[in-house]
Structure formats: structure tokens, C-alpha cells
Amino acid sequence: MLRLKPISSLSFDPLEPKRLRVVIATIVINVIAVALLVFAPWSDWRTGLALNLFDNALLLGFVWLHRDGLLTRFMIFGLAAGFAELAADAWLVDYTRTLDYSVGGGPMLWRSPAWMPFAWEVVAVQFGYLGLRLQEHFGKFGLFIIGALGAVNIPYYEEMARRIHWWKYGGCRMISGTPYYIIVGEFLIALTFALLVRKFRRGSMVSAVSTGLVAGAAIFISYAIAYGITDGIFHR
């Protein structure tokens, strides 16, 4: 039976239970909202933008109310990762030609919807913070847990995105509307996020930016590895 490790840093942080609740709240709200948007035929880029604005309002509200430096670092980390991830999107759109954002419409930033960096910001906060907590409690096994959650949770959005007109995939091996490489890639991405934030409790705002940029590069690398494994890019 797994037992929780006593973490001294947590015992002196009265915000920890509240911080965990607000991060989990964004996950639950997103899962429910995306499921409900399936019944909204008018859904497009505006619903994606609105959902991410709502998530950020919750997180920023918590930061402002509690002057929470840790969650601030996670948000900066996520924002840096979100903008760095634009290169990965461009590669998937232009090189693999498996990702199509045209179904959602709206303003674009390079090859991505303009709201995409903020979507990745929220994802990075969710999986980075949960990855930190899981490692603190379960050690290395926590990395496997967060990787598995990434492989299940994020592809849920990939599957639903096609139905609510945010984006779609094609021209690759898929299960339903989700590419195999996305499932493998999201496992690697969630795992990497957790590894990168291990020292965030004692980090600085500058280190949060640099770590976020590394995370954005890791997204690109994770997708490239996953695509190579599932669709044979290295054998072309």
C-alpha cells in the first residue's frame, strides 16, 4: 500500500489545500464545459477563448487574493511554455499536416489560434502543479501517475475539440478522432512538466520563465518522438 510521505514544505504552507482545490476546480470545470459544448452547434474559437479566460480569472483571482507566489510562478511557467509551444503547432500543421485549426476560425498567432498559448498555460499549471504534489507524496511513482493522467485527460480534449469546432486531426494513425501520437506525446509532456517543476517551491520568477521555455521545447520534442514511434517519421 502506498503511503503519503510527510513533506515539511507542505506543513508550513497553509495555502496548499486551497491551492489544490482551485487547480482541481479548473480541471473539473473544463471537463464539464467541454462535454456541454458538444450540444452547442455554434461553438467555435470564441468558446475556447471564453473557457481559457474563465480559467485564468480563477487562477489570477486566487493569486491576487492570497498573494500566492508559488501559483504565480506556475502561471508564468505556463505562459512561457504556451508561447514556446507555437513552434510545435506549426510543425504539426505544416510538416506532418495532421493538425487542422481552420475549423475553429478566428484570429491566428503563427499557425495556431490566438488563444492557444493561454490554453497551454492552464494545462501547464494543472499538470505541473499536480505533478509536483504527486512527486512529493509518492516519489518516482508520482511521475508515472501524472504521465498516465496526461495520456488520458488531455486526449479527451483532443477528441472533443473536433466535435466543438476547435480543431481536428487527419492523415495519421488514430483511435476515433485522437491520433496515437497525441496520446504518447501527452504522456511525455505531463511527465516532463512534472520533472521541470520539482524545485518550484524555492524558485524565482526568472527561473519560471526559463523553465517554461524549456517546457515549450519539450512539447515539440515529445510530439516529434511520439509521431516517430506511431507514424514512422524516422523511416521516411
Protein backbone atom coordinates (compact mmCIF):
# COMPACT_ATOMS: atom_id res chain seq x y z
CA MET A 1 0.00 0.00 0.00
CA LEU A 2 1.28 3.47 -0.90
CA ARG A 3 1.74 5.83 2.00
CA LEU A 4 1.95 9.59 1.82
CA LYS A 5 5.35 11.00 2.68
CA PRO A 6 5.45 13.78 5.25
CA ILE A 7 6.51 16.92 3.39
CA SER A 8 7.90 19.64 5.60
CA SER A 9 7.38 22.32 2.94
CA LEU A 10 3.69 21.49 2.81
CA SER A 11 3.21 21.52 6.57
CA PHE A 12 4.26 25.16 6.72
CA ASP A 13 2.13 26.27 3.77
CA PRO A 14 -1.46 26.98 4.84
CA LEU A 15 -2.41 27.76 1.23
CA GLU A 16 -1.74 24.24 0.00
CA PRO A 17 -5.26 22.80 0.44
CA LYS A 18 -6.86 25.88 -1.13
CA ARG A 19 -4.33 25.94 -3.96
CA LEU A 20 -5.01 22.29 -4.72
CA ARG A 21 -8.75 22.91 -4.77
CA VAL A 22 -8.55 25.80 -7.23
CA VAL A 23 -6.31 23.85 -9.61
CA ILE A 24 -8.58 20.79 -9.48
CA ALA A 25 -11.56 23.11 -9.95
CA THR A 26 -10.16 24.28 -13.30
CA ILE A 27 -9.84 20.67 -14.41
CA VAL A 28 -13.39 19.74 -13.38
CA ILE A 29 -14.87 22.90 -14.89
CA ASN A 30 -13.07 22.31 -18.18
CA VAL A 31 -14.14 18.69 -18.43
CA ILE A 32 -17.79 19.61 -17.81
CA ALA A 33 -17.73 22.68 -20.07
CA VAL A 34 -16.23 20.79 -22.99
CA ALA A 35 -18.79 18.00 -22.59
CA LEU A 36 -21.63 20.53 -22.62
CA LEU A 37 -20.25 22.38 -25.65
CA VAL A 38 -20.86 19.26 -27.72
CA PHE A 39 -24.52 20.32 -27.62
CA ALA A 40 -23.70 23.84 -28.89
CA PRO A 41 -23.53 23.72 -32.71
CA TRP A 42 -22.44 27.37 -32.72
CA SER A 43 -19.26 26.59 -30.79
CA ASP A 44 -16.03 27.86 -32.38
CA TRP A 45 -12.84 29.69 -31.36
CA ARG A 46 -14.89 32.03 -29.16
CA THR A 47 -15.87 29.25 -26.77
CA GLY A 48 -12.24 28.17 -26.50
CA LEU A 49 -11.19 31.71 -25.71
CA ALA A 50 -14.00 32.18 -23.18
CA LEU A 51 -13.16 28.98 -21.32
CA ASN A 52 -9.49 29.92 -21.05
CA LEU A 53 -10.32 33.43 -19.89
CA PHE A 54 -12.51 31.92 -17.18
CA ASP A 55 -9.73 29.53 -16.08
CA ASN A 56 -7.23 32.37 -15.93
CA ALA A 57 -9.66 34.55 -13.99
CA LEU A 58 -9.96 31.82 -11.34
CA LEU A 59 -6.20 31.38 -11.08
CA LEU A 60 -5.42 35.10 -11.12
CA GLY A 61 -8.15 35.75 -8.58
CA PHE A 62 -6.57 33.20 -6.25
CA VAL A 63 -3.11 34.70 -6.76
CA TRP A 64 -4.38 38.21 -6.05
CA LEU A 65 -6.47 37.21 -3.03
CA HIS A 66 -3.74 35.16 -1.36
CA ARG A 67 -0.62 36.83 -2.79
CA ASP A 68 0.42 33.33 -3.82
CA GLY A 69 3.98 33.36 -5.16
CA LEU A 70 4.02 29.64 -6.00
CA LEU A 71 0.92 29.73 -8.18
CA THR A 72 2.24 32.92 -9.78
CA ARG A 73 5.41 31.06 -10.77
CA PHE A 74 3.33 28.24 -12.21
CA MET A 75 1.29 30.69 -14.29
CA ILE A 76 4.43 32.39 -15.62
CA PHE A 77 5.88 28.96 -16.36
CA GLY A 78 2.71 28.01 -18.22
CA LEU A 79 2.55 31.22 -20.23
CA ALA A 80 6.17 30.87 -21.36
CA ALA A 81 5.52 27.24 -22.29
CA GLY A 82 2.36 28.23 -24.17
CA PHE A 83 4.13 30.73 -26.41
CA ALA A 84 7.12 28.43 -26.95
CA GLU A 85 4.68 25.66 -27.93
CA LEU A 86 3.64 27.61 -31.03
CA ALA A 87 6.60 26.07 -32.85
CA ALA A 88 5.26 22.59 -32.12
CA ASP A 89 1.86 23.56 -33.51
CA ALA A 90 3.43 24.95 -36.66
CA TRP A 91 5.35 21.70 -37.15
CA LEU A 92 2.19 19.62 -36.74
CA VAL A 93 0.25 21.86 -39.13
CA ASP A 94 2.85 22.46 -41.84
CA TYR A 95 5.17 19.43 -41.69
CA THR A 96 3.10 16.46 -40.53
CA ARG A 97 -0.09 18.02 -41.94
CA THR A 98 -2.10 16.14 -39.33
CA LEU A 99 -3.47 19.14 -37.38
CA ASP A 100 -6.09 21.50 -38.82
CA TYR A 101 -7.19 24.63 -36.96
CA SER A 102 -9.27 26.05 -39.81
CA VAL A 103 -12.49 24.52 -38.42
CA GLY A 104 -12.45 26.93 -35.47
CA GLY A 105 -11.84 30.19 -37.33
CA GLY A 106 -10.83 33.35 -35.52
CA PRO A 107 -7.55 35.26 -35.21
CA MET A 108 -4.34 33.26 -35.58
CA LEU A 109 -0.92 33.52 -33.98
CA TRP A 110 1.57 31.94 -36.41
CA ARG A 111 -0.20 28.64 -37.22
CA SER A 112 -2.26 28.45 -34.00
CA PRO A 113 -5.44 30.09 -32.72
CA ALA A 114 -4.52 33.25 -30.82
CA TRP A 115 -5.89 31.75 -27.59
CA MET A 116 -3.77 28.60 -27.76
CA PRO A 117 -0.84 29.88 -25.62
CA PHE A 118 -3.31 30.56 -22.82
CA ALA A 119 -4.82 27.09 -23.18
CA TRP A 120 -1.36 25.58 -22.78
CA GLU A 121 -0.74 27.89 -19.83
CA VAL A 122 -3.68 26.36 -18.00
CA VAL A 123 -2.58 22.83 -18.92
CA ALA A 124 0.95 23.55 -17.67
CA VAL A 125 -0.38 24.90 -14.37
CA GLN A 126 -2.64 21.90 -13.90
CA PHE A 127 -0.16 19.17 -14.72
CA GLY A 128 2.88 20.97 -13.40
CA TYR A 129 1.34 21.62 -10.00
CA LEU A 130 -0.29 18.19 -9.71
CA GLY A 131 2.96 16.62 -10.88
CA LEU A 132 4.82 18.45 -8.11
CA ARG A 133 2.34 17.29 -5.47
CA LEU A 134 2.34 13.71 -6.69
CA GLN A 135 6.13 13.55 -6.64
CA GLU A 136 6.23 15.00 -3.14
CA HIS A 137 3.81 12.35 -1.91
CA PHE A 138 4.68 9.29 -3.99
CA GLY A 139 8.21 9.91 -5.21
CA LYS A 140 9.08 8.48 -8.62
CA PHE A 141 5.77 6.65 -8.83
CA GLY A 142 4.14 10.08 -8.88
CA LEU A 143 5.76 10.69 -12.25
CA PHE A 144 4.01 7.64 -13.69
CA ILE A 145 0.69 8.80 -12.23
CA ILE A 146 0.91 12.28 -13.76
CA GLY A 147 2.06 10.82 -17.09
CA ALA A 148 -0.93 8.48 -17.12
CA LEU A 149 -3.27 11.35 -16.27
CA GLY A 150 -1.83 13.35 -19.15
CA ALA A 151 -2.28 10.43 -21.55
CA VAL A 152 -5.95 10.15 -20.55
CA ASN A 153 -7.10 13.67 -19.71
CA ILE A 154 -5.57 15.81 -22.45
CA PRO A 155 -6.56 13.47 -25.34
CA TYR A 156 -10.12 13.84 -24.03
CA TYR A 157 -9.93 17.47 -25.12
CA GLU A 158 -8.38 16.44 -28.43
CA GLU A 159 -11.32 14.14 -29.08
CA MET A 160 -13.91 16.70 -28.05
CA ALA A 161 -12.23 19.57 -29.94
CA ARG A 162 -13.34 18.07 -33.24
CA ARG A 163 -16.95 17.98 -32.08
CA ILE A 164 -16.99 21.55 -30.77
CA HIS A 165 -15.15 23.01 -33.76
CA TRP A 166 -11.81 23.96 -32.24
CA TRP A 167 -9.50 21.76 -34.33
CA LYS A 168 -9.30 18.34 -35.93
CA TYR A 169 -6.73 15.72 -36.95
CA GLY A 170 -6.24 13.60 -40.02
CA GLY A 171 -3.64 11.80 -42.12
CA CYS A 172 -2.22 9.77 -39.22
CA ARG A 173 -2.98 6.69 -37.17
CA MET A 174 -5.87 7.44 -34.85
CA ILE A 175 -8.28 5.95 -32.37
CA SER A 176 -11.60 7.65 -33.08
CA GLY A 177 -10.58 11.29 -33.61
CA THR A 178 -7.40 11.24 -31.50
CA PRO A 179 -4.01 10.42 -33.03
CA TYR A 180 -1.88 7.75 -31.38
CA TYR A 181 0.99 10.23 -31.30
CA ILE A 182 -1.07 12.66 -29.23
CA ILE A 183 -1.67 10.04 -26.55
CA VAL A 184 2.02 9.10 -26.39
CA GLY A 185 3.08 12.73 -26.65
CA GLU A 186 0.83 13.90 -23.84
CA PHE A 187 2.21 11.19 -21.57
CA LEU A 188 5.72 12.50 -22.23
CA ILE A 189 4.64 16.14 -21.87
CA ALA A 190 2.94 15.65 -18.49
CA LEU A 191 5.96 13.68 -17.30
CA THR A 192 8.33 16.43 -18.45
CA PHE A 193 6.29 19.20 -16.83
CA ALA A 194 6.46 17.34 -13.51
CA LEU A 195 10.23 16.90 -13.78
CA LEU A 196 10.81 20.56 -14.65
CA VAL A 197 8.89 21.97 -11.67
CA ARG A 198 10.45 19.86 -8.91
CA LYS A 199 12.22 22.89 -7.39
CA PHE A 200 9.46 25.43 -7.96
CA ARG A 201 8.79 25.94 -4.26
CA ARG A 202 12.17 27.66 -3.96
CA GLY A 203 12.31 29.10 -7.48
CA SER A 204 12.23 32.66 -8.81
CA MET A 205 10.08 34.38 -11.41
CA VAL A 206 13.04 34.44 -13.81
CA SER A 207 13.59 30.70 -13.43
CA ALA A 208 9.86 30.17 -14.05
CA VAL A 209 10.20 31.90 -17.44
CA SER A 210 13.30 29.95 -18.47
CA THR A 211 11.80 26.66 -17.28
CA GLY A 212 8.63 27.43 -19.20
CA LEU A 213 10.59 27.98 -22.40
CA VAL A 214 12.28 24.63 -21.86
CA ALA A 215 8.83 23.09 -21.34
CA GLY A 216 7.66 24.55 -24.65
CA ALA A 217 10.64 23.00 -26.42
CA ALA A 218 9.88 19.73 -24.63
CA ILE A 219 6.36 19.77 -26.09
CA PHE A 220 7.87 19.90 -29.58
CA ILE A 221 10.34 17.11 -28.79
CA SER A 222 7.65 14.95 -27.16
CA TYR A 223 5.38 15.19 -30.20
CA ALA A 224 8.28 14.51 -32.57
CA ILE A 225 9.27 11.40 -30.63
CA ALA A 226 5.67 10.23 -30.35
CA TYR A 227 4.99 10.83 -34.04
CA GLY A 228 8.15 8.95 -34.92
CA ILE A 229 7.05 5.99 -32.81
CA THR A 230 3.46 5.80 -34.05
CA ASP A 231 3.68 7.06 -37.62
CA GLY A 232 7.23 6.26 -38.67
CA ILE A 233 8.64 9.68 -39.47
CA PHE A 234 12.17 8.37 -38.94
CA HIS A 235 11.66 5.78 -41.67
CA ARG A 236 10.63 8.12 -44.43
